[in-house]
Amino acid sequence: MNEKEKEKSNAGTLSIDAMDAQDVLEDAEPWEPIETKLVLWSFAVAIIALIIGLWLVPTSILH
């Protein structure tokens, strides 16, 4: 089996031999600024919810 046939037989697989960084990033879309804001706001909301939960649960158990 030559190299071209080997590449075709590995197409669509997740083996390390069939993929490299260039193949994975080839069709990637550019990162939009709104996506950055969405991620940062999601982390902020998660941290606030965690702080409220860590305060609310022990106070409700102790009273």
N, C-alpha and C. Protein backbone atom coordinates (compact mmCIF):
# COMPACT_ATOMS: atom_id res chain seq x y z
N MET A 1 0.86 -1.17 0.00
CA MET A 1 0.00 0.00 0.00
C MET A 1 0.90 1.23 0.00
N ASN A 2 0.71 2.11 -0.97
CA ASN A 2 1.55 3.29 -1.02
C ASN A 2 1.01 4.38 -0.09
N GLU A 3 1.72 5.50 -0.03
CA GLU A 3 1.38 6.56 0.93
C GLU A 3 0.02 7.19 0.65
N LYS A 4 -0.34 7.40 -0.61
CA LYS A 4 -1.63 8.00 -0.95
C LYS A 4 -2.79 7.09 -0.52
N GLU A 5 -2.67 5.80 -0.77
CA GLU A 5 -3.73 4.86 -0.37
C GLU A 5 -3.83 4.79 1.14
N LYS A 6 -2.71 4.89 1.82
CA LYS A 6 -2.71 4.84 3.27
C LYS A 6 -3.43 6.06 3.85
N GLU A 7 -3.20 7.24 3.26
CA GLU A 7 -3.89 8.45 3.71
C GLU A 7 -5.39 8.35 3.48
N LYS A 8 -5.80 7.81 2.34
CA LYS A 8 -7.22 7.66 2.05
C LYS A 8 -7.88 6.66 2.99
N SER A 9 -7.18 5.61 3.34
CA SER A 9 -7.76 4.61 4.23
C SER A 9 -7.91 5.14 5.65
N ASN A 10 -7.10 6.12 6.03
CA ASN A 10 -7.18 6.71 7.37
C ASN A 10 -8.10 7.92 7.43
N ALA A 11 -8.67 8.31 6.31
CA ALA A 11 -9.55 9.48 6.30
C ALA A 11 -10.77 9.22 7.17
N GLY A 12 -11.08 10.18 8.02
CA GLY A 12 -12.24 10.06 8.90
C GLY A 12 -11.97 9.31 10.19
N THR A 13 -10.74 8.91 10.43
CA THR A 13 -10.43 8.22 11.68
C THR A 13 -9.84 9.20 12.67
N LEU A 14 -9.77 8.78 13.91
CA LEU A 14 -9.21 9.62 14.96
C LEU A 14 -7.84 9.14 15.41
N SER A 15 -7.20 8.35 14.59
CA SER A 15 -5.87 7.86 14.99
C SER A 15 -4.85 8.98 14.89
N ILE A 16 -3.82 8.89 15.70
CA ILE A 16 -2.79 9.91 15.72
C ILE A 16 -2.01 9.95 14.41
N ASP A 17 -1.94 8.84 13.71
CA ASP A 17 -1.23 8.81 12.44
C ASP A 17 -1.95 9.59 11.36
N ALA A 18 -3.26 9.69 11.45
CA ALA A 18 -4.04 10.31 10.39
C ALA A 18 -4.21 11.82 10.57
N MET A 19 -3.89 12.33 11.76
CA MET A 19 -4.15 13.73 12.03
C MET A 19 -2.91 14.43 12.55
N ASP A 20 -2.77 15.68 12.18
CA ASP A 20 -1.76 16.53 12.80
C ASP A 20 -2.40 17.90 13.03
N ALA A 21 -1.68 18.82 13.61
CA ALA A 21 -2.25 20.12 13.99
C ALA A 21 -2.78 20.88 12.78
N GLN A 22 -2.09 20.81 11.66
CA GLN A 22 -2.55 21.54 10.49
C GLN A 22 -3.89 21.00 9.98
N ASP A 23 -4.08 19.70 10.02
CA ASP A 23 -5.35 19.12 9.57
C ASP A 23 -6.50 19.55 10.47
N VAL A 24 -6.25 19.59 11.76
CA VAL A 24 -7.30 19.92 12.71
C VAL A 24 -7.70 21.38 12.59
N LEU A 25 -6.72 22.27 12.43
CA LEU A 25 -6.99 23.70 12.40
C LEU A 25 -7.29 24.25 11.01
N GLU A 26 -7.27 23.40 10.02
CA GLU A 26 -7.42 23.85 8.64
C GLU A 26 -8.75 24.54 8.39
N ASP A 27 -9.84 23.99 8.87
CA ASP A 27 -11.17 24.54 8.60
C ASP A 27 -11.74 25.30 9.80
N ALA A 28 -10.89 25.70 10.72
CA ALA A 28 -11.37 26.40 11.92
C ALA A 28 -11.85 27.80 11.56
N GLU A 29 -12.94 28.21 12.21
CA GLU A 29 -13.45 29.55 12.01
C GLU A 29 -12.69 30.53 12.91
N PRO A 30 -12.59 31.78 12.51
CA PRO A 30 -11.92 32.76 13.38
C PRO A 30 -12.73 33.01 14.65
N TRP A 31 -12.05 33.32 15.72
CA TRP A 31 -12.69 33.57 17.01
C TRP A 31 -13.23 35.00 17.00
N GLU A 32 -14.51 35.15 17.25
CA GLU A 32 -15.16 36.46 17.24
C GLU A 32 -15.05 37.12 18.61
N PRO A 33 -14.97 38.44 18.68
CA PRO A 33 -14.89 39.12 19.98
C PRO A 33 -16.11 38.85 20.86
N ILE A 34 -17.28 38.69 20.26
CA ILE A 34 -18.48 38.41 21.06
C ILE A 34 -18.35 37.06 21.76
N GLU A 35 -17.65 36.12 21.15
CA GLU A 35 -17.45 34.82 21.78
C GLU A 35 -16.54 34.94 23.00
N THR A 36 -15.56 35.82 22.93
CA THR A 36 -14.69 36.06 24.08
C THR A 36 -15.50 36.64 25.22
N LYS A 37 -16.35 37.61 24.92
CA LYS A 37 -17.20 38.21 25.95
C LYS A 37 -18.14 37.17 26.55
N LEU A 38 -18.69 36.32 25.72
CA LEU A 38 -19.61 35.29 26.19
C LEU A 38 -18.91 34.34 27.16
N VAL A 39 -17.70 33.92 26.83
CA VAL A 39 -16.95 33.02 27.71
C VAL A 39 -16.62 33.71 29.03
N LEU A 40 -16.15 34.95 28.97
CA LEU A 40 -15.78 35.67 30.19
C LEU A 40 -17.00 35.91 31.08
N TRP A 41 -18.13 36.29 30.49
CA TRP A 41 -19.35 36.49 31.28
C TRP A 41 -19.86 35.17 31.87
N SER A 42 -19.69 34.09 31.14
CA SER A 42 -20.09 32.78 31.66
C SER A 42 -19.27 32.40 32.89
N PHE A 43 -17.96 32.65 32.81
CA PHE A 43 -17.11 32.40 33.98
C PHE A 43 -17.51 33.29 35.15
N ALA A 44 -17.80 34.55 34.88
CA ALA A 44 -18.19 35.47 35.95
C ALA A 44 -19.48 35.02 36.62
N VAL A 45 -20.46 34.65 35.82
CA VAL A 45 -21.74 34.18 36.38
C VAL A 45 -21.53 32.89 37.18
N ALA A 46 -20.70 32.00 36.69
CA ALA A 46 -20.43 30.74 37.40
C ALA A 46 -19.75 31.02 38.74
N ILE A 47 -18.82 31.95 38.78
CA ILE A 47 -18.13 32.27 40.04
C ILE A 47 -19.09 32.91 41.03
N ILE A 48 -19.94 33.81 40.55
CA ILE A 48 -20.94 34.44 41.43
C ILE A 48 -21.90 33.39 41.97
N ALA A 49 -22.36 32.48 41.13
CA ALA A 49 -23.27 31.42 41.57
C ALA A 49 -22.59 30.51 42.59
N LEU A 50 -21.32 30.23 42.40
CA LEU A 50 -20.57 29.41 43.34
C LEU A 50 -20.44 30.10 44.69
N ILE A 51 -20.13 31.39 44.68
CA ILE A 51 -20.00 32.13 45.94
C ILE A 51 -21.34 32.18 46.67
N ILE A 52 -22.41 32.47 45.96
CA ILE A 52 -23.75 32.49 46.59
C ILE A 52 -24.10 31.11 47.15
N GLY A 53 -23.82 30.08 46.38
CA GLY A 53 -24.11 28.72 46.85
C GLY A 53 -23.29 28.34 48.06
N LEU A 54 -22.03 28.72 48.07
CA LEU A 54 -21.18 28.40 49.23
C LEU A 54 -21.59 29.18 50.47
N TRP A 55 -22.20 30.32 50.30
CA TRP A 55 -22.71 31.08 51.44
C TRP A 55 -24.09 30.59 51.87
N LEU A 56 -24.94 30.28 50.91
CA LEU A 56 -26.34 29.95 51.19
C LEU A 56 -26.49 28.57 51.82
N VAL A 57 -25.78 27.59 51.34
CA VAL A 57 -25.96 26.22 51.84
C VAL A 57 -25.54 26.08 53.30
N PRO A 58 -24.35 26.53 53.70
CA PRO A 58 -24.01 26.39 55.11
C PRO A 58 -24.90 27.19 56.04
N THR A 59 -25.34 28.38 55.62
CA THR A 59 -26.22 29.16 56.50
C THR A 59 -27.59 28.52 56.62
N SER A 60 -28.07 27.86 55.57
CA SER A 60 -29.38 27.23 55.66
C SER A 60 -29.32 25.93 56.48
N ILE A 61 -28.18 25.27 56.48
CA ILE A 61 -28.03 24.04 57.26
C ILE A 61 -27.91 24.37 58.75
N LEU A 62 -27.20 25.45 59.06
CA LEU A 62 -26.95 25.79 60.46
C LEU A 62 -28.13 26.43 61.15
N HIS A 63 -29.08 26.97 60.40
CA HIS A 63 -30.24 27.61 61.04
C HIS A 63 -31.41 26.72 61.08
